[in-house]
């Protein structure tokens, strides 16, 4: 029962402090799940994150279900999902009217502007932490050229050609399968 409560608290904490949506919550979630609670290894978290990104819907709810089920079965999945969604629902209902009135408030806009660089920095740190597991250790570039090419090609196609992430995710899965089957 304690694990179920811990799942709810951890995912509620992530949701309450994850301003900016799913991607901004990933560093907070990783800290809770990997570093503080030890529920997943860094590699298992990366795998869950990659798999979750290949499915439709918000990433945090998918990770909540995955981690919750991993830790405490279906009760854990339900608790983590509630923790990931209930605080936002309650806050949204309580603050919706206030936010629509304060949208043009200079102090609110300044606070949001101050949070944005932190969100970007946290995302960059997560990417930096994920890189060795996803692309191979530094110094082993030659062994992992296909993975680096997938990453570079995805960046290029997203930024320069405006390709939607879905075909890139599917193509990455197919390339990964082809590389595995070819070895």
C-alpha atoms as a PDB file:
ATOM      1  CA  UNK A   1       0.000   0.000   0.000  1.00  0.00           C
ATOM      2  CA  UNK A   2       2.905   2.363   0.708  1.00  0.00           C
ATOM      3  CA  UNK A   3       4.196   1.929  -2.862  1.00  0.00           C
ATOM      4  CA  UNK A   4       0.787   2.930  -4.252  1.00  0.00           C
ATOM      5  CA  UNK A   5       0.758   6.078  -2.110  1.00  0.00           C
ATOM      6  CA  UNK A   6       4.369   6.855  -3.072  1.00  0.00           C
ATOM      7  CA  UNK A   7       3.436   6.572  -6.758  1.00  0.00           C
ATOM      8  CA  UNK A   8       0.550   8.989  -6.326  1.00  0.00           C
ATOM      9  CA  UNK A   9       2.712  11.496  -4.429  1.00  0.00           C
ATOM     10  CA  UNK A  10       5.611  11.302  -6.886  1.00  0.00           C
ATOM     11  CA  UNK A  11       3.476  11.797  -9.971  1.00  0.00           C
ATOM     12  CA  UNK A  12       1.434  14.538  -8.283  1.00  0.00           C
ATOM     13  CA  UNK A  13       4.662  16.339  -7.425  1.00  0.00           C
ATOM     14  CA  UNK A  14       5.830  16.084 -11.037  1.00  0.00           C
ATOM     15  CA  UNK A  15       2.502  17.379 -12.313  1.00  0.00           C
ATOM     16  CA  UNK A  16       2.373  20.273  -9.849  1.00  0.00           C
ATOM     17  CA  UNK A  17       5.842  21.530 -10.783  1.00  0.00           C
ATOM     18  CA  UNK A  18       5.951  20.580 -14.462  1.00  0.00           C
ATOM     19  CA  UNK A  19       5.031  23.889 -16.028  1.00  0.00           C
ATOM     20  CA  UNK A  20       4.934  23.861 -19.799  1.00  0.00           C
ATOM     21  CA  UNK A  21       3.466  20.436 -20.456  1.00  0.00           C
ATOM     22  CA  UNK A  22       4.853  16.967 -21.037  1.00  0.00           C
ATOM     23  CA  UNK A  23       8.402  17.690 -22.222  1.00  0.00           C
ATOM     24  CA  UNK A  24       9.088  20.028 -19.313  1.00  0.00           C
ATOM     25  CA  UNK A  25       8.002  17.305 -16.886  1.00  0.00           C
ATOM     26  CA  UNK A  26      10.481  14.711 -18.134  1.00  0.00           C
ATOM     27  CA  UNK A  27      13.449  15.975 -16.049  1.00  0.00           C
ATOM     28  CA  UNK A  28      11.236  16.104 -12.956  1.00  0.00           C
ATOM     29  CA  UNK A  29       9.844  12.667 -13.684  1.00  0.00           C
ATOM     30  CA  UNK A  30      13.292  11.213 -14.277  1.00  0.00           C
ATOM     31  CA  UNK A  31      14.485  12.642 -10.954  1.00  0.00           C
ATOM     32  CA  UNK A  32      11.522  11.096  -9.110  1.00  0.00           C
ATOM     33  CA  UNK A  33      11.535   7.712 -10.840  1.00  0.00           C
ATOM     34  CA  UNK A  34      15.270   7.096 -11.297  1.00  0.00           C
ATOM     35  CA  UNK A  35      17.198   9.165  -8.803  1.00  0.00           C
ATOM     36  CA  UNK A  36      14.908   9.599  -5.790  1.00  0.00           C
ATOM     37  CA  UNK A  37      12.832   6.423  -5.837  1.00  0.00           C
ATOM     38  CA  UNK A  38      15.039   4.035  -7.825  1.00  0.00           C
ATOM     39  CA  UNK A  39      11.992   2.486  -9.493  1.00  0.00           C
ATOM     40  CA  UNK A  40      13.745   2.368 -12.882  1.00  0.00           C
ATOM     41  CA  UNK A  41      17.356   2.429 -14.014  1.00  0.00           C
ATOM     42  CA  UNK A  42      18.384   5.281 -16.334  1.00  0.00           C
ATOM     43  CA  UNK A  43      18.359   2.830 -19.255  1.00  0.00           C
ATOM     44  CA  UNK A  44      14.910   1.468 -18.356  1.00  0.00           C
ATOM     45  CA  UNK A  45      13.594   5.022 -18.061  1.00  0.00           C
ATOM     46  CA  UNK A  46      14.987   5.862 -21.506  1.00  0.00           C
ATOM     47  CA  UNK A  47      13.371   2.731 -22.947  1.00  0.00           C
ATOM     48  CA  UNK A  48      10.024   3.591 -21.341  1.00  0.00           C
ATOM     49  CA  UNK A  49      10.318   7.177 -22.574  1.00  0.00           C
ATOM     50  CA  UNK A  50      11.140   6.052 -26.122  1.00  0.00           C
ATOM     51  CA  UNK A  51       8.309   3.521 -26.146  1.00  0.00           C
ATOM     52  CA  UNK A  52       5.882   6.051 -24.659  1.00  0.00           C
ATOM     53  CA  UNK A  53       6.754   8.573 -27.350  1.00  0.00           C
ATOM     54  CA  UNK A  54       5.785   6.041 -29.992  1.00  0.00           C
ATOM     55  CA  UNK A  55       2.233   5.832 -28.628  1.00  0.00           C
ATOM     56  CA  UNK A  56      -0.502   8.452 -28.884  1.00  0.00           C
ATOM     57  CA  UNK A  57      -1.344  10.693 -25.952  1.00  0.00           C
ATOM     58  CA  UNK A  58       0.499  12.727 -23.331  1.00  0.00           C
ATOM     59  CA  UNK A  59       3.876  11.283 -22.373  1.00  0.00           C
ATOM     60  CA  UNK A  60       3.478  11.775 -18.627  1.00  0.00           C
ATOM     61  CA  UNK A  61       0.285   9.734 -18.434  1.00  0.00           C
ATOM     62  CA  UNK A  62       1.876   6.908 -20.409  1.00  0.00           C
ATOM     63  CA  UNK A  63       4.953   6.929 -18.188  1.00  0.00           C
ATOM     64  CA  UNK A  64       2.732   7.064 -15.095  1.00  0.00           C
ATOM     65  CA  UNK A  65       0.894   3.945 -16.187  1.00  0.00           C
ATOM     66  CA  UNK A  66       4.143   2.168 -17.080  1.00  0.00           C
ATOM     67  CA  UNK A  67       6.026   3.048 -13.904  1.00  0.00           C
ATOM     68  CA  UNK A  68       2.988   2.498 -11.706  1.00  0.00           C
ATOM     69  CA  UNK A  69       2.385  -0.955 -13.148  1.00  0.00           C
ATOM     70  CA  UNK A  70       6.079  -1.802 -12.908  1.00  0.00           C
ATOM     71  CA  UNK A  71       6.176  -0.836  -9.225  1.00  0.00           C
ATOM     72  CA  UNK A  72       2.789  -1.997  -7.901  1.00  0.00           C
ATOM     73  CA  UNK A  73       0.753  -3.643 -10.645  1.00  0.00           C
ATOM     74  CA  UNK A  74      -2.612  -2.255 -11.685  1.00  0.00           C
ATOM     75  CA  UNK A  75      -3.264  -0.443  -8.368  1.00  0.00           C
ATOM     76  CA  UNK A  76       0.085   1.301  -8.855  1.00  0.00           C
ATOM     77  CA  UNK A  77      -0.788   2.212 -12.440  1.00  0.00           C
ATOM     78  CA  UNK A  78      -4.092   3.719 -11.294  1.00  0.00           C
ATOM     79  CA  UNK A  79      -2.431   5.642  -8.448  1.00  0.00           C
ATOM     80  CA  UNK A  80       0.321   7.037 -10.676  1.00  0.00           C
ATOM     81  CA  UNK A  81      -2.205   8.024 -13.350  1.00  0.00           C
ATOM     82  CA  UNK A  82      -4.359   9.783 -10.745  1.00  0.00           C
ATOM     83  CA  UNK A  83      -1.288  11.545  -9.394  1.00  0.00           C
ATOM     84  CA  UNK A  84      -0.379  12.683 -12.906  1.00  0.00           C
ATOM     85  CA  UNK A  85      -3.856  13.997 -13.766  1.00  0.00           C
ATOM     86  CA  UNK A  86      -5.816  14.898 -10.621  1.00  0.00           C
ATOM     87  CA  UNK A  87      -3.719  17.890  -9.446  1.00  0.00           C
ATOM     88  CA  UNK A  88      -3.922  19.495 -12.876  1.00  0.00           C
ATOM     89  CA  UNK A  89      -7.666  18.932 -13.082  1.00  0.00           C
ATOM     90  CA  UNK A  90      -8.276  20.437  -9.651  1.00  0.00           C
ATOM     91  CA  UNK A  91      -5.976  23.425 -10.281  1.00  0.00           C
ATOM     92  CA  UNK A  92      -7.464  24.017 -13.709  1.00  0.00           C
ATOM     93  CA  UNK A  93     -10.978  24.103 -12.329  1.00  0.00           C
ATOM     94  CA  UNK A  94      -9.954  26.421  -9.495  1.00  0.00           C
ATOM     95  CA  UNK A  95      -7.774  28.784 -11.514  1.00  0.00           C
ATOM     96  CA  UNK A  96      -9.405  28.890 -14.940  1.00  0.00           C
ATOM     97  CA  UNK A  97     -11.366  32.044 -14.276  1.00  0.00           C
ATOM     98  CA  UNK A  98      -8.415  33.762 -12.622  1.00  0.00           C
ATOM     99  CA  UNK A  99      -6.052  32.899 -15.478  1.00  0.00           C
ATOM    100  CA  UNK A 100      -8.368  34.210 -18.170  1.00  0.00           C
ATOM    101  CA  UNK A 101      -8.582  37.521 -16.302  1.00  0.00           C
ATOM    102  CA  UNK A 102      -4.833  37.720 -15.641  1.00  0.00           C
ATOM    103  CA  UNK A 103      -3.615  36.672 -19.088  1.00  0.00           C
ATOM    104  CA  UNK A 104      -2.268  40.141 -19.831  1.00  0.00           C
ATOM    105  CA  UNK A 105      -0.864  40.662 -16.329  1.00  0.00           C
ATOM    106  CA  UNK A 106       2.742  41.864 -16.627  1.00  0.00           C
ATOM    107  CA  UNK A 107       3.910  40.088 -13.457  1.00  0.00           C
ATOM    108  CA  UNK A 108       2.460  36.760 -14.627  1.00  0.00           C
ATOM    109  CA  UNK A 109       4.047  37.172 -18.051  1.00  0.00           C
ATOM    110  CA  UNK A 110       7.406  38.016 -16.443  1.00  0.00           C
ATOM    111  CA  UNK A 111       7.233  34.929 -14.209  1.00  0.00           C
ATOM    112  CA  UNK A 112       6.426  32.706 -17.190  1.00  0.00           C
ATOM    113  CA  UNK A 113       9.277  34.267 -19.181  1.00  0.00           C
ATOM    114  CA  UNK A 114      11.634  33.452 -16.300  1.00  0.00           C
ATOM    115  CA  UNK A 115      10.528  29.820 -16.219  1.00  0.00           C
ATOM    116  CA  UNK A 116      10.992  29.186 -19.958  1.00  0.00           C
ATOM    117  CA  UNK A 117      14.835  29.142 -19.959  1.00  0.00           C
ATOM    118  CA  UNK A 118      14.812  26.755 -17.009  1.00  0.00           C
ATOM    119  CA  UNK A 119      12.512  24.377 -18.891  1.00  0.00           C
ATOM    120  CA  UNK A 120      14.847  24.465 -21.903  1.00  0.00           C
ATOM    121  CA  UNK A 121      17.893  23.861 -19.692  1.00  0.00           C
ATOM    122  CA  UNK A 122      16.210  20.902 -17.990  1.00  0.00           C
ATOM    123  CA  UNK A 123      15.288  19.381 -21.358  1.00  0.00           C
ATOM    124  CA  UNK A 124      18.875  19.778 -22.558  1.00  0.00           C
ATOM    125  CA  UNK A 125      20.133  18.071 -19.395  1.00  0.00           C
ATOM    126  CA  UNK A 126      17.783  15.132 -19.940  1.00  0.00           C
ATOM    127  CA  UNK A 127      18.936  14.854 -23.547  1.00  0.00           C
ATOM    128  CA  UNK A 128      22.549  14.929 -22.355  1.00  0.00           C
ATOM    129  CA  UNK A 129      21.796  12.168 -19.834  1.00  0.00           C
ATOM    130  CA  UNK A 130      19.948  10.084 -22.446  1.00  0.00           C
ATOM    131  CA  UNK A 131      22.643  10.429 -25.126  1.00  0.00           C
ATOM    132  CA  UNK A 132      25.049   7.701 -23.937  1.00  0.00           C
ATOM    133  CA  UNK A 133      22.250   5.128 -23.645  1.00  0.00           C
ATOM    134  CA  UNK A 134      20.583   6.142 -26.891  1.00  0.00           C
ATOM    135  CA  UNK A 135      23.620   6.888 -29.063  1.00  0.00           C
ATOM    136  CA  UNK A 136      26.489   5.045 -27.395  1.00  0.00           C
ATOM    137  CA  UNK A 137      29.211   6.143 -25.047  1.00  0.00           C
ATOM    138  CA  UNK A 138      31.453   9.066 -25.910  1.00  0.00           C
ATOM    139  CA  UNK A 139      34.492   7.771 -27.751  1.00  0.00           C
ATOM    140  CA  UNK A 140      32.607   4.879 -29.344  1.00  0.00           C
ATOM    141  CA  UNK A 141      31.204   6.930 -32.219  1.00  0.00           C
ATOM    142  CA  UNK A 142      32.472   4.502 -34.871  1.00  0.00           C
ATOM    143  CA  UNK A 143      30.510   1.624 -33.360  1.00  0.00           C
ATOM    144  CA  UNK A 144      27.305   3.638 -33.280  1.00  0.00           C
ATOM    145  CA  UNK A 145      27.314   5.519 -36.573  1.00  0.00           C
ATOM    146  CA  UNK A 146      23.799   4.306 -37.528  1.00  0.00           C
ATOM    147  CA  UNK A 147      22.353   5.634 -34.265  1.00  0.00           C
ATOM    148  CA  UNK A 148      24.058   8.993 -34.702  1.00  0.00           C
ATOM    149  CA  UNK A 149      22.824   9.151 -38.304  1.00  0.00           C
ATOM    150  CA  UNK A 150      19.265   8.463 -37.165  1.00  0.00           C
ATOM    151  CA  UNK A 151      19.527  11.254 -34.580  1.00  0.00           C
ATOM    152  CA  UNK A 152      21.144  13.749 -36.976  1.00  0.00           C
ATOM    153  CA  UNK A 153      18.737  12.892 -39.777  1.00  0.00           C
ATOM    154  CA  UNK A 154      15.771  13.315 -37.451  1.00  0.00           C
ATOM    155  CA  UNK A 155      17.028  16.728 -36.326  1.00  0.00           C
ATOM    156  CA  UNK A 156      17.571  17.818 -39.912  1.00  0.00           C
ATOM    157  CA  UNK A 157      14.186  16.560 -41.121  1.00  0.00           C
ATOM    158  CA  UNK A 158      12.367  18.141 -38.195  1.00  0.00           C
ATOM    159  CA  UNK A 159      14.082  21.530 -38.278  1.00  0.00           C
ATOM    160  CA  UNK A 160      14.832  22.064 -41.979  1.00  0.00           C
ATOM    161  CA  UNK A 161      12.097  20.035 -43.690  1.00  0.00           C
ATOM    162  CA  UNK A 162       9.349  20.360 -41.069  1.00  0.00           C
ATOM    163  CA  UNK A 163       8.701  16.597 -41.025  1.00  0.00           C
ATOM    164  CA  UNK A 164       6.212  15.529 -38.387  1.00  0.00           C
ATOM    165  CA  UNK A 165       7.681  13.366 -35.576  1.00  0.00           C
ATOM    166  CA  UNK A 166       5.365  10.392 -36.222  1.00  0.00           C
ATOM    167  CA  UNK A 167       6.995   9.228 -39.468  1.00  0.00           C
ATOM    168  CA  UNK A 168      10.410   9.777 -37.882  1.00  0.00           C
ATOM    169  CA  UNK A 169       9.500   7.580 -34.910  1.00  0.00           C
ATOM    170  CA  UNK A 170       8.176   4.867 -37.228  1.00  0.00           C
ATOM    171  CA  UNK A 171      11.241   5.112 -39.466  1.00  0.00           C
ATOM    172  CA  UNK A 172      13.533   4.916 -36.426  1.00  0.00           C
ATOM    173  CA  UNK A 173      11.761   1.760 -35.262  1.00  0.00           C
ATOM    174  CA  UNK A 174      12.104   0.199 -38.704  1.00  0.00           C
ATOM    175  CA  UNK A 175      15.792   1.115 -38.965  1.00  0.00           C
ATOM    176  CA  UNK A 176      16.382  -0.277 -35.473  1.00  0.00           C
ATOM    177  CA  UNK A 177      14.687  -3.535 -36.480  1.00  0.00           C
ATOM    178  CA  UNK A 178      16.664  -3.712 -39.706  1.00  0.00           C
ATOM    179  CA  UNK A 179      19.946  -3.135 -37.859  1.00  0.00           C
ATOM    180  CA  UNK A 180      19.094  -5.818 -35.288  1.00  0.00           C
ATOM    181  CA  UNK A 181      17.974  -8.325 -37.907  1.00  0.00           C
ATOM    182  CA  UNK A 182      21.045  -7.578 -39.998  1.00  0.00           C
ATOM    183  CA  UNK A 183      23.468  -8.321 -37.182  1.00  0.00           C
END
